[in-house]
Amino acid sequence: MRAYFWDDKRAPGVPAAIDFDEYSSVAEMFLASCAKYPERPAFWNIGITLTFREVDELSRNFAAWIQHQTNLKPGDRIAVQMPNMLQFPIVVFGALRAGLVVVNTNPLYTAREMRHQFKDSGVKALVALNTFGAKIEEVIEDTDIEHVVITEIGDMQTSGLKRNLLNFAIKHVKRMVPAFNLPQEIGFREVMAQGAREHHEPVTTKPEDLAILQYTGGTTGVAKGAMLSNRNLLANMLQVRALFQQTDRNGRPLQKEADEVVVCPLPLYHIFSFTAHCMCMMAMGNLNILVTNPRDVGMFIKIIKNKKFSGITAVNTLFVALLDHPKFKDIDFSKLKMAVSGGTALTRDAAVRWKKATGVDIAEGYGLTECSPIVSVNPLGESNQMGTIGVPVPGTDAKVIDEDGNELPLGQRGELCIRGPQVMEGYWNRPEDTAEIMTDKGYLRTGDVGIINHDGFIQIVDRLKDMILVSGFNVYPNEIEDVVSRLDNVTNCAAIGVPDNKTGEAVKLFIQPNESGVTVADVKRWCAKNLTAYKRPKYIEIREELPMSPVGKILRKDLREH
């Protein structure tokens, strides 16, 4: 089954062929967009709007600072650790313009998780929000980080009074900034001032050059860096942009360039949000509404209710949270044309409720970090097939295989495999792990069990690997078990995923204590200290013993069946 199978399966208007050589680098795409839409708004956050021209100028200043005020060279890695805020695209595009490799870092990471990622990637510089300074201080001596840029939540405010009040409130009223001491620290505003006085020398970047190291877990529980080249990211952007050429029954495009306002509540450090908003929406000249803390649903609604947005990307958890909030009815959906769900399975209940409330279907998609990440997406409108992940994006081939690697016919379930220009170059410094996931014909084994229907739409029906998907984030049982097994009085433990109406899946942890015993409260405190919130077990069950194979392997399958 080859890519042409899907050429007539996609929605009307979506091209089968794409020129994947349109740009040579992400930086080139960015500069072309800024030149094409200079006065269009690009990003909004906390009352401030940046035009494409302003993002161009500010990212140039950051790139110039890198070139003249640091010893960083093209190819060096820089970690970016912040939630959705205007500083994110400035730093990322500035770093790429200087030829650096961006390492997206989850701000919710514990010190243990940060230490692993920083050491594994070999980052030499870090840009972070000041709320994470104490954790950075805890790990920095174990890393190669030489330059630390610290920003504050109000740094992009144009009014000095408002900036100072906002930063003061975060630090002294809400007490969100624990004390820290980083001798390497320089403030973001000082960096931008220094860069504005320097000359930026454009850097030539090739398509095959690494652009982003995006960390993802593995069945071994060790987070691995997926190497995403300029070619990978650009291909995925062009594939998604092609989907926006879908037309209605009268031949009119459903989306317009330089005309859409798209809400971005998912963190830009997540590859789905990065590709959709920092790549695709930028290339199309559209405005991104950056929501810094979507967990505060009341504030989230307050931010977007009068924005008259035409699109929103989210995970099932956020759609449900919005629908359940009493202020949901205050949101103006009069311009909404597109709602896309990714990262985790969309529940039928959420899809039906959303359509009833807004009149717009949620188009569910599917992807993997290793695929930059988008593999397939449902069409917008009446062609949408609830319960499927749509059809592969243009230029992408998919097949399902049996345990022996043989391709299976349409309608049969097997492991879903993907081939396309968006598939990663491999895992950073892990050739054996790369070989394990890639076939000799260039297909990436997803570990998910799928069915390719005769109409080309794909269903995900099971998971070969034990990964748990919580609100769009990959959670790996071995990592949780490794952390919990270090707790005193724990003999054995096992983590599995269980269905959850809000997060898709939740972590359930089984504990076998030793004779001294351990309490649920002990385990919760330990997990709070060592695991990011979405990885922490929602359910904990203590048992006298856990099911094991004859060789002593804990049988998660038996626990799931129970």
Protein backbone atom coordinates (compact mmCIF):
# COMPACT_ATOMS: atom_id res chain seq x y z
CA MET A 1 0.00 0.00 0.00
CA ARG A 2 1.70 3.21 -1.13
CA ALA A 3 1.02 6.91 -0.62
CA TYR A 4 -0.98 7.20 -3.85
CA PHE A 5 -3.68 5.04 -2.25
CA TRP A 6 -4.74 8.16 -0.34
CA ASP A 7 -4.55 10.63 -3.23
CA ASP A 8 -8.31 10.46 -3.84
CA LYS A 9 -9.23 9.78 -0.22
CA ARG A 10 -8.46 13.23 1.13
CA ALA A 11 -10.93 16.11 1.36
CA PRO A 12 -11.63 18.22 -1.77
CA GLY A 13 -9.04 20.89 -2.44
CA VAL A 14 -6.23 19.13 -0.56
CA PRO A 15 -3.35 18.56 -3.01
CA ALA A 16 -1.81 15.13 -3.39
CA ALA A 17 1.65 16.51 -4.22
CA ILE A 18 3.64 19.10 -2.29
CA ASP A 19 6.88 20.90 -3.11
CA PHE A 20 8.91 19.95 -0.05
CA ASP A 21 11.82 22.10 -1.30
CA GLU A 22 9.94 25.39 -0.93
CA TYR A 23 12.21 26.37 1.97
CA SER A 24 15.67 25.21 3.00
CA SER A 25 15.31 25.96 6.72
CA VAL A 26 12.81 26.91 9.41
CA ALA A 27 14.57 30.28 9.70
CA GLU A 28 14.08 30.90 5.97
CA MET A 29 10.37 30.11 6.28
CA PHE A 30 10.09 32.44 9.26
CA LEU A 31 11.82 35.33 7.47
CA ALA A 32 9.70 34.83 4.35
CA SER A 33 6.53 35.01 6.44
CA CYS A 34 7.71 38.15 8.24
CA ALA A 35 8.46 39.79 4.88
CA LYS A 36 5.09 38.76 3.44
CA TYR A 37 2.94 39.80 6.42
CA PRO A 38 4.95 42.52 8.22
CA GLU A 39 2.04 44.41 9.78
CA ARG A 40 -0.16 41.41 10.46
CA PRO A 41 -0.48 40.38 14.13
CA ALA A 42 1.46 37.17 14.81
CA PHE A 43 1.19 36.51 18.56
CA TRP A 44 -0.96 37.84 21.41
CA ASN A 45 -0.38 37.23 25.11
CA ILE A 46 -1.30 39.09 28.33
CA GLY A 47 -2.67 42.09 26.47
CA ILE A 48 0.30 42.55 24.13
CA THR A 49 0.27 41.88 20.38
CA LEU A 50 3.41 41.38 18.32
CA THR A 51 3.30 41.84 14.57
CA PHE A 52 5.37 39.70 12.23
CA ARG A 53 7.74 42.65 11.79
CA GLU A 54 8.21 42.95 15.55
CA VAL A 55 8.88 39.22 15.99
CA ASP A 56 11.40 39.50 13.16
CA GLU A 57 13.21 42.42 14.84
CA LEU A 58 13.18 40.93 18.34
CA SER A 59 14.36 37.49 17.20
CA ARG A 60 17.13 39.22 15.20
CA ASN A 61 18.27 40.95 18.39
CA PHE A 62 18.35 37.66 20.27
CA ALA A 63 20.33 36.03 17.46
CA ALA A 64 22.78 38.93 17.46
CA TRP A 65 23.27 38.59 21.22
CA ILE A 66 24.10 34.90 20.76
CA GLN A 67 26.64 35.70 18.07
CA HIS A 68 28.43 38.55 19.86
CA GLN A 69 27.91 38.05 23.60
CA THR A 70 28.32 34.28 23.93
CA ASN A 71 30.68 31.57 22.74
CA LEU A 72 27.82 29.58 21.18
CA LYS A 73 28.38 28.27 17.67
CA PRO A 74 25.99 26.86 15.04
CA GLY A 75 25.01 23.34 16.03
CA ASP A 76 25.23 24.00 19.78
CA ARG A 77 22.12 23.22 21.79
CA ILE A 78 20.03 25.74 23.70
CA ALA A 79 17.23 24.72 26.06
CA VAL A 80 14.03 26.77 26.21
CA GLN A 81 11.95 26.31 29.36
CA MET A 82 8.87 28.48 29.58
CA PRO A 83 5.09 28.29 29.20
CA ASN A 84 3.20 30.02 26.40
CA MET A 85 4.43 33.62 26.38
CA LEU A 86 5.72 36.06 23.76
CA GLN A 87 9.32 35.38 24.72
CA PHE A 88 9.02 31.81 23.41
CA PRO A 89 8.83 32.52 19.65
CA ILE A 90 11.37 35.34 20.00
CA VAL A 91 13.92 33.03 21.61
CA VAL A 92 13.23 30.01 19.41
CA PHE A 93 13.37 31.85 16.10
CA GLY A 94 16.34 33.88 17.30
CA ALA A 95 18.21 30.71 18.25
CA LEU A 96 17.42 29.10 14.89
CA ARG A 97 18.57 32.24 13.06
CA ALA A 98 21.91 31.88 14.90
CA GLY A 99 22.15 28.25 13.78
CA LEU A 100 21.54 26.73 17.21
CA VAL A 101 19.55 23.57 17.95
CA VAL A 102 16.52 24.18 20.18
CA VAL A 103 15.84 21.74 23.01
CA ASN A 104 12.23 22.22 24.11
CA THR A 105 12.02 21.65 27.86
CA ASN A 106 8.83 21.06 29.81
CA PRO A 107 8.60 23.73 32.56
CA LEU A 108 6.84 21.17 34.78
CA TYR A 109 9.87 18.90 34.89
CA THR A 110 11.29 17.95 38.26
CA ALA A 111 14.98 18.52 38.94
CA ARG A 112 15.68 14.86 38.15
CA GLU A 113 14.00 15.11 34.74
CA MET A 114 15.70 18.41 33.92
CA ARG A 115 19.12 17.04 34.85
CA HIS A 116 18.71 14.07 32.50
CA GLN A 117 17.58 16.15 29.54
CA PHE A 118 20.22 18.84 29.96
CA LYS A 119 23.02 16.29 30.32
CA ASP A 120 21.82 14.01 27.55
CA SER A 121 21.43 16.82 25.03
CA GLY A 122 24.60 18.63 26.07
CA VAL A 123 22.92 22.03 26.14
CA LYS A 124 25.27 24.98 26.63
CA ALA A 125 22.63 27.66 27.13
CA LEU A 126 19.23 27.90 28.77
CA VAL A 127 16.42 30.44 28.56
CA ALA A 128 13.85 30.03 31.32
CA LEU A 129 11.10 31.76 33.26
CA ASN A 130 12.26 32.91 36.69
CA THR A 131 9.73 30.66 38.44
CA PHE A 132 12.00 27.73 37.58
CA GLY A 133 15.23 29.33 38.79
CA ALA A 134 15.48 27.31 42.01
CA LYS A 135 15.27 24.00 40.16
CA ILE A 136 17.83 25.21 37.64
CA GLU A 137 20.20 26.10 40.48
CA GLU A 138 19.78 22.57 41.83
CA VAL A 139 20.93 20.87 38.62
CA ILE A 140 23.15 23.30 36.73
CA GLU A 141 26.45 22.13 38.23
CA ASP A 142 25.83 18.69 36.74
CA THR A 143 25.45 20.12 33.22
CA ASP A 144 27.50 21.94 30.56
CA ILE A 145 25.29 25.04 30.69
CA GLU A 146 27.38 28.23 30.52
CA HIS A 147 24.74 30.85 29.70
CA VAL A 148 21.43 31.30 31.56
CA VAL A 149 18.89 33.86 30.40
CA ILE A 150 16.11 34.48 32.91
CA THR A 151 12.88 36.17 31.89
CA GLU A 152 9.91 37.34 33.92
CA ILE A 153 6.23 37.08 33.09
CA GLY A 154 5.87 40.83 32.49
CA ASP A 155 9.04 41.40 30.46
CA MET A 156 7.15 42.06 27.21
CA GLN A 157 4.86 44.71 28.69
CA THR A 158 5.43 48.08 26.99
CA SER A 159 4.44 50.02 30.09
CA GLY A 160 7.19 50.02 32.71
CA LEU A 161 4.64 50.48 35.48
CA LYS A 162 2.54 47.54 34.35
CA ARG A 163 5.64 45.41 33.84
CA ASN A 164 6.90 46.10 37.35
CA LEU A 165 3.52 45.55 38.96
CA LEU A 166 3.02 42.25 37.15
CA ASN A 167 6.47 40.95 38.02
CA PHE A 168 6.10 42.13 41.63
CA ALA A 169 2.74 40.36 41.97
CA ILE A 170 4.12 37.06 40.62
CA LYS A 171 7.16 37.20 42.91
CA HIS A 172 5.85 38.73 46.13
CA VAL A 173 2.06 38.39 46.15
CA LYS A 174 1.55 34.98 44.55
CA ARG A 175 5.00 33.86 45.74
CA MET A 176 5.62 31.86 42.58
CA VAL A 177 9.37 32.58 42.43
CA PRO A 178 11.43 30.67 45.02
CA ALA A 179 14.77 32.30 45.84
CA PHE A 180 17.68 31.19 43.64
CA ASN A 181 21.27 32.13 42.88
CA LEU A 182 22.68 31.64 39.39
CA PRO A 183 26.03 33.37 38.76
CA GLN A 184 25.60 32.77 35.00
CA GLU A 185 22.25 34.61 34.97
CA ILE A 186 21.48 37.53 32.68
CA GLY A 187 18.05 39.10 32.35
CA PHE A 188 16.04 38.74 29.15
CA ARG A 189 15.55 42.48 28.78
CA GLU A 190 19.29 43.09 29.12
CA VAL A 191 19.95 40.41 26.48
CA MET A 192 17.56 42.12 24.08
CA ALA A 193 19.12 45.52 24.73
CA GLN A 194 22.62 44.17 24.10
CA GLY A 195 21.51 42.36 20.95
CA ALA A 196 19.86 45.48 19.55
CA ARG A 197 23.30 47.16 19.54
CA GLU A 198 24.96 44.28 17.68
CA HIS A 199 25.05 43.23 14.04
CA HIS A 200 23.42 39.93 13.16
CA GLU A 201 25.25 37.85 10.59
CA PRO A 202 22.83 35.51 8.73
CA VAL A 203 23.68 31.83 9.10
CA THR A 204 23.29 29.38 6.23
CA THR A 205 21.37 26.33 7.40
CA LYS A 206 20.78 23.27 5.27
CA PRO A 207 17.59 21.16 5.17
CA GLU A 208 19.33 18.16 6.73
CA ASP A 209 20.70 20.21 9.63
CA LEU A 210 19.21 19.51 13.04
CA ALA A 211 16.74 22.18 14.18
CA ILE A 212 15.06 20.75 17.28
CA LEU A 213 15.77 18.03 19.82
CA GLN A 214 12.33 17.05 21.07
CA TYR A 215 12.46 14.70 24.03
CA THR A 216 10.09 11.80 24.28
CA GLY A 217 9.99 8.79 26.56
CA GLY A 218 10.71 5.21 25.62
CA THR A 219 9.63 1.79 26.75
CA THR A 220 12.83 1.70 28.78
CA GLY A 221 11.65 4.74 30.70
CA VAL A 222 14.60 6.84 29.51
CA ALA A 223 13.66 10.07 27.73
CA LYS A 224 15.24 10.21 24.27
CA GLY A 225 15.82 13.19 22.00
CA ALA A 226 14.05 12.86 18.66
CA MET A 227 16.27 14.60 16.09
CA LEU A 228 14.00 16.79 13.98
CA SER A 229 15.78 18.40 11.06
CA ASN A 230 14.75 21.50 9.18
CA ARG A 231 13.48 19.21 6.45
CA ASN A 232 11.34 17.21 8.91
CA LEU A 233 9.70 20.27 10.43
CA LEU A 234 9.19 22.08 7.15
CA ALA A 235 7.69 18.99 5.54
CA ASN A 236 5.18 18.61 8.34
CA MET A 237 4.31 22.30 8.20
CA LEU A 238 3.75 22.11 4.44
CA GLN A 239 1.66 18.96 4.86
CA VAL A 240 -0.60 20.63 7.41
CA ARG A 241 -0.79 23.83 5.37
CA ALA A 242 -1.98 21.71 2.45
CA LEU A 243 -4.87 20.44 4.57
CA PHE A 244 -6.04 24.03 5.02
CA GLN A 245 -6.65 24.17 1.26
CA GLN A 246 -9.73 22.01 1.82
CA THR A 247 -12.76 23.48 0.09
CA ASP A 248 -16.48 23.32 0.78
CA ARG A 249 -19.08 21.92 -1.60
CA ASN A 250 -19.01 25.21 -3.53
CA GLY A 251 -15.25 25.09 -4.02
CA ARG A 252 -14.49 27.83 -1.50
CA PRO A 253 -11.53 27.35 0.84
CA LEU A 254 -12.48 26.70 4.46
CA GLN A 255 -9.41 28.55 5.76
CA LYS A 256 -7.85 31.78 4.52
CA GLU A 257 -4.25 32.88 4.85
CA ALA A 258 -3.63 36.06 6.85
CA ASP A 259 -7.22 35.99 8.07
CA GLU A 260 -7.48 33.44 10.88
CA VAL A 261 -7.29 33.90 14.65
CA VAL A 262 -6.30 30.64 16.33
CA VAL A 263 -6.32 29.95 20.06
CA CYS A 264 -3.21 28.18 21.37
CA PRO A 265 -3.75 26.73 24.86
CA LEU A 266 -1.41 23.78 24.37
CA PRO A 267 2.21 24.50 25.36
CA LEU A 268 4.49 25.52 22.52
CA TYR A 269 7.19 23.25 23.94
CA HIS A 270 4.93 20.32 22.93
CA ILE A 271 5.76 19.41 19.33
CA PHE A 272 2.10 19.35 18.20
CA SER A 273 1.55 22.91 19.33
CA PHE A 274 4.96 24.02 18.06
CA THR A 275 4.33 22.70 14.55
CA ALA A 276 0.73 23.95 14.41
CA HIS A 277 1.37 27.44 15.76
CA CYS A 278 5.06 28.40 15.48
CA MET A 279 5.30 26.75 12.08
CA CYS A 280 2.00 26.45 10.21
CA MET A 281 0.16 29.51 11.52
CA MET A 282 3.31 31.60 11.06
CA ALA A 283 3.67 30.42 7.46
CA MET A 284 0.03 31.31 6.80
CA GLY A 285 0.21 34.79 8.34
CA ASN A 286 -2.35 34.03 11.05
CA LEU A 287 -2.64 35.29 14.62
CA ASN A 288 -1.89 32.97 17.55
CA ILE A 289 -3.63 33.68 20.86
CA LEU A 290 -1.17 32.29 23.43
CA VAL A 291 -2.82 31.06 26.63
CA THR A 292 -0.21 30.86 29.39
CA ASN A 293 -2.16 28.78 31.92
CA PRO A 294 -5.12 26.90 30.41
CA ARG A 295 -5.51 24.93 33.66
CA ASP A 296 -7.13 28.06 35.09
CA VAL A 297 -10.24 27.46 33.00
CA GLY A 298 -12.02 30.56 34.29
CA MET A 299 -9.13 32.79 33.18
CA PHE A 300 -8.81 30.81 29.94
CA ILE A 301 -12.44 31.61 29.11
CA LYS A 302 -12.00 35.24 30.13
CA ILE A 303 -9.08 35.53 27.68
CA ILE A 304 -10.80 34.02 24.66
CA LYS A 305 -14.49 34.84 25.15
CA ASN A 306 -14.42 38.04 23.08
CA LYS A 307 -11.56 37.20 20.71
CA LYS A 308 -13.88 36.00 17.90
CA PHE A 309 -11.38 33.27 17.07
CA SER A 310 -11.78 31.07 14.00
CA GLY A 311 -9.75 28.10 15.21
CA ILE A 312 -8.58 26.30 18.32
CA THR A 313 -6.22 23.40 18.91
CA ALA A 314 -6.57 21.41 22.13
CA VAL A 315 -6.58 17.99 23.71
CA ASN A 316 -9.66 16.14 24.91
CA THR A 317 -8.98 17.29 28.48
CA LEU A 318 -9.25 20.96 27.57
CA PHE A 319 -12.36 20.54 25.45
CA VAL A 320 -14.05 18.80 28.39
CA ALA A 321 -12.84 21.43 30.86
CA LEU A 322 -14.30 24.20 28.71
CA LEU A 323 -17.59 22.40 28.19
CA ASP A 324 -17.96 21.75 31.92
CA HIS A 325 -17.31 25.33 32.99
CA PRO A 326 -20.35 27.51 33.83
CA LYS A 327 -18.90 30.42 31.84
CA PHE A 328 -18.54 28.36 28.65
CA LYS A 329 -21.75 29.92 27.32
CA ASP A 330 -20.07 33.36 27.39
CA ILE A 331 -17.58 32.45 24.64
CA ASP A 332 -18.21 33.99 21.23
CA PHE A 333 -18.11 31.13 18.71
CA SER A 334 -19.58 33.13 15.84
CA LYS A 335 -16.36 32.97 13.78
CA LEU A 336 -15.28 29.43 14.71
CA LYS A 337 -14.53 27.23 11.70
CA MET A 338 -11.91 24.81 12.97
CA ALA A 339 -11.34 22.80 16.15
CA VAL A 340 -8.52 20.26 16.10
CA SER A 341 -7.81 17.63 18.75
CA GLY A 342 -4.43 15.94 19.03
CA GLY A 343 -2.12 14.35 21.54
CA THR A 344 -4.66 11.95 22.99
CA ALA A 345 -7.82 10.14 21.92
CA LEU A 346 -10.90 12.31 21.53
CA THR A 347 -13.85 10.88 23.44
CA ARG A 348 -17.17 10.59 21.66
CA ASP A 349 -18.93 12.41 24.48
CA ALA A 350 -16.66 15.45 24.17
CA ALA A 351 -16.99 15.50 20.37
CA VAL A 352 -20.79 15.34 20.46
CA ARG A 353 -21.11 17.97 23.18
CA TRP A 354 -18.73 20.34 21.39
CA LYS A 355 -20.60 20.03 18.08
CA LYS A 356 -23.91 20.66 19.81
CA ALA A 357 -22.59 23.72 21.67
CA THR A 358 -20.59 25.35 18.86
CA GLY A 359 -21.91 23.89 15.62
CA VAL A 360 -18.38 22.85 14.64
CA ASP A 361 -16.95 19.33 14.57
CA ILE A 362 -13.69 18.57 16.32
CA ALA A 363 -11.26 17.15 13.76
CA GLU A 364 -9.20 14.47 15.51
CA GLY A 365 -5.63 13.91 14.41
CA TYR A 366 -2.79 11.56 15.23
CA GLY A 367 0.92 11.98 15.49
CA LEU A 368 4.16 11.11 17.24
CA THR A 369 7.08 13.21 18.36
CA GLU A 370 9.16 11.10 15.98
CA CYS A 371 6.99 12.36 13.07
CA SER A 372 7.34 16.09 13.76
CA PRO A 373 4.55 15.11 14.84
CA ILE A 374 1.51 15.05 12.56
CA VAL A 375 0.72 11.84 10.69
CA SER A 376 -2.98 12.06 9.92
CA VAL A 377 -5.90 14.39 10.51
CA ASN A 378 -9.63 14.20 9.94
CA PRO A 379 -11.07 16.57 7.34
CA LEU A 380 -13.00 19.58 8.53
CA GLY A 381 -16.78 19.66 8.30
CA GLU A 382 -19.06 16.96 6.97
CA SER A 383 -16.22 14.67 5.82
CA ASN A 384 -15.10 14.22 9.42
CA GLN A 385 -15.32 10.61 10.66
CA MET A 386 -15.67 10.48 14.42
CA GLY A 387 -13.76 7.61 15.98
CA THR A 388 -10.99 7.69 13.40
CA ILE A 389 -7.77 9.67 13.08
CA GLY A 390 -8.56 10.65 9.49
CA VAL A 391 -6.27 9.99 6.55
CA PRO A 392 -2.50 10.53 6.32
CA VAL A 393 -1.31 14.01 5.45
CA PRO A 394 -0.07 14.42 1.85
CA GLY A 395 3.25 12.73 1.11
CA THR A 396 2.79 10.23 3.93
CA ASP A 397 2.45 6.48 3.57
CA ALA A 398 1.04 4.15 6.22
CA LYS A 399 0.69 0.41 6.55
CA VAL A 400 -0.08 -2.14 9.23
CA ILE A 401 2.09 -5.18 9.80
CA ASP A 402 1.86 -8.45 11.70
CA GLU A 403 4.32 -9.71 14.31
CA ASP A 404 6.65 -10.95 11.57
CA GLY A 405 6.71 -7.62 9.75
CA ASN A 406 4.42 -8.69 6.91
CA GLU A 407 2.06 -6.05 5.54
CA LEU A 408 -1.60 -6.79 6.22
CA PRO A 409 -4.60 -6.13 3.96
CA LEU A 410 -7.06 -3.29 4.45
CA GLY A 411 -9.45 -3.84 7.33
CA GLN A 412 -7.07 -5.98 9.38
CA ARG A 413 -5.46 -4.82 12.58
CA GLY A 414 -1.72 -4.71 13.05
CA GLU A 415 1.07 -2.40 14.11
CA LEU A 416 0.77 0.94 12.35
CA CYS A 417 3.93 1.99 10.48
CA ILE A 418 4.59 5.42 8.96
CA ARG A 419 6.88 6.67 6.21
CA GLY A 420 7.25 10.25 5.07
CA PRO A 421 9.52 13.30 4.97
CA GLN A 422 8.42 14.31 8.47
CA VAL A 423 9.85 11.16 10.10
CA MET A 424 12.78 12.03 12.38
CA GLU A 425 16.44 11.52 11.57
CA GLY A 426 16.75 9.24 14.60
CA TYR A 427 17.27 9.42 18.36
CA TRP A 428 20.08 11.61 19.67
CA ASN A 429 23.16 9.47 20.38
CA ARG A 430 21.03 6.30 20.49
CA PRO A 431 21.59 4.32 17.27
CA GLU A 432 20.31 1.07 18.81
CA ASP A 433 17.01 2.66 19.84
CA THR A 434 16.75 4.21 16.37
CA ALA A 435 17.30 0.85 14.68
CA GLU A 436 14.64 -0.72 16.90
CA ILE A 437 11.92 1.68 15.78
CA MET A 438 12.86 2.01 12.08
CA THR A 439 12.38 -0.73 9.48
CA ASP A 440 14.78 -1.42 6.63
CA LYS A 441 12.31 0.20 4.20
CA GLY A 442 12.23 3.53 6.01
CA TYR A 443 9.01 2.99 7.95
CA LEU A 444 8.73 4.04 11.56
CA ARG A 445 7.04 1.51 13.83
CA THR A 446 4.56 3.41 15.98
CA GLY A 447 3.84 0.69 18.52
CA ASP A 448 0.12 1.42 18.05
CA VAL A 449 -2.34 -1.12 16.70
CA GLY A 450 -4.39 0.29 13.85
CA ILE A 451 -6.82 -0.61 11.11
CA ILE A 452 -6.70 1.06 7.70
CA ASN A 453 -10.23 1.04 6.38
CA HIS A 454 -11.07 0.70 2.71
CA ASP A 455 -11.93 4.40 2.49
CA GLY A 456 -8.44 5.28 3.73
CA PHE A 457 -9.49 6.41 7.20
CA ILE A 458 -7.43 4.94 10.02
CA GLN A 459 -8.56 3.73 13.43
CA ILE A 460 -6.27 3.27 16.43
CA VAL A 461 -7.65 0.31 18.33
CA ASP A 462 -4.95 -0.64 20.84
CA ARG A 463 -1.39 -0.06 21.89
CA LEU A 464 1.45 -2.51 21.59
CA LYS A 465 3.63 -0.67 24.00
CA ASP A 466 2.70 0.03 27.57
CA MET A 467 2.75 3.79 27.17
CA ILE A 468 0.03 5.70 28.98
CA LEU A 469 -1.38 8.82 27.31
CA VAL A 470 -2.40 11.47 29.85
CA SER A 471 -3.83 14.68 28.37
CA GLY A 472 -1.68 14.27 25.29
CA PHE A 473 1.55 13.59 27.18
CA ASN A 474 3.36 10.28 26.97
CA VAL A 475 3.80 8.58 30.33
CA TYR A 476 5.95 5.48 30.49
CA PRO A 477 5.34 2.89 33.24
CA ASN A 478 9.00 1.99 33.62
CA GLU A 479 9.91 5.56 34.53
CA ILE A 480 7.23 5.72 37.22
CA GLU A 481 8.20 2.29 38.54
CA ASP A 482 11.87 3.26 38.60
CA VAL A 483 11.09 6.34 40.69
CA VAL A 484 8.67 4.63 43.08
CA SER A 485 10.92 1.62 43.59
CA ARG A 486 13.46 3.94 45.21
CA LEU A 487 11.02 4.69 48.00
CA ASP A 488 11.75 2.90 51.26
CA ASN A 489 9.60 -0.14 52.03
CA VAL A 490 8.49 -0.72 48.42
CA THR A 491 9.27 -4.25 47.24
CA ASN A 492 7.61 -4.17 43.82
CA CYS A 493 5.41 -1.79 41.88
CA ALA A 494 3.69 -1.60 38.52
CA ALA A 495 1.99 1.23 36.63
CA ILE A 496 -0.75 0.89 34.05
CA GLY A 497 -3.13 3.20 32.24
CA VAL A 498 -6.83 3.23 33.07
CA PRO A 499 -9.62 5.10 31.25
CA ASP A 500 -10.35 8.61 32.46
CA ASN A 501 -13.13 10.88 31.20
CA LYS A 502 -11.07 14.06 31.47
CA THR A 503 -7.51 13.04 30.59
CA GLY A 504 -8.18 10.09 28.28
CA GLU A 505 -6.09 7.86 30.48
CA ALA A 506 -4.80 8.14 34.04
CA VAL A 507 -1.97 6.36 35.81
CA LYS A 508 -2.85 3.61 38.25
CA LEU A 509 -0.04 2.34 40.44
CA PHE A 510 0.08 -1.01 42.21
CA ILE A 511 2.39 -1.29 45.22
CA GLN A 512 3.72 -4.41 46.90
CA PRO A 513 5.24 -3.19 50.21
CA ASN A 514 7.80 -4.97 52.35
CA GLU A 515 7.01 -6.08 55.86
CA SER A 516 7.52 -2.57 57.27
CA GLY A 517 4.73 -1.30 55.08
CA VAL A 518 4.16 1.89 53.08
CA THR A 519 1.10 4.13 52.90
CA VAL A 520 -0.66 5.75 49.96
CA ALA A 521 0.23 9.12 51.46
CA ASP A 522 3.93 8.16 51.47
CA VAL A 523 3.76 7.26 47.78
CA LYS A 524 1.92 10.44 46.83
CA ARG A 525 4.47 12.63 48.59
CA TRP A 526 7.34 10.80 46.90
CA CYS A 527 5.76 11.09 43.46
CA ALA A 528 5.03 14.80 43.97
CA LYS A 529 8.73 15.33 44.62
CA ASN A 530 10.07 13.25 41.75
CA LEU A 531 7.49 13.22 38.97
CA THR A 532 5.88 15.90 36.82
CA ALA A 533 2.19 16.31 37.70
CA TYR A 534 0.78 14.50 34.68
CA LYS A 535 2.98 11.47 35.41
CA ARG A 536 1.83 11.09 39.01
CA PRO A 537 -0.51 8.17 39.74
CA LYS A 538 -4.13 9.19 40.11
CA TYR A 539 -4.95 5.84 41.69
CA ILE A 540 -2.76 3.85 44.07
CA GLU A 541 -3.56 0.34 45.21
CA ILE A 542 -1.49 -1.55 47.77
CA ARG A 543 -1.42 -5.35 47.38
CA GLU A 544 0.27 -8.14 49.25
CA GLU A 545 1.69 -9.42 45.96
CA LEU A 546 1.68 -8.62 42.26
CA PRO A 547 1.17 -11.08 39.39
CA MET A 548 4.46 -12.27 37.95
CA SER A 549 5.74 -14.52 35.20
CA PRO A 550 7.89 -17.55 36.02
CA VAL A 551 11.00 -15.45 35.47
CA GLY A 552 9.84 -12.74 37.87
CA LYS A 553 8.49 -10.16 35.42
CA ILE A 554 5.45 -8.27 36.68
CA LEU A 555 2.50 -8.97 34.40
CA ARG A 556 0.92 -5.60 33.61
CA LYS A 557 -1.48 -7.43 31.31
CA ASP A 558 -2.99 -9.26 34.28
CA LEU A 559 -3.31 -6.02 36.20
CA ARG A 560 -5.10 -4.38 33.28
CA GLU A 561 -7.49 -7.29 32.92
CA HIS A 562 -8.27 -7.11 36.64
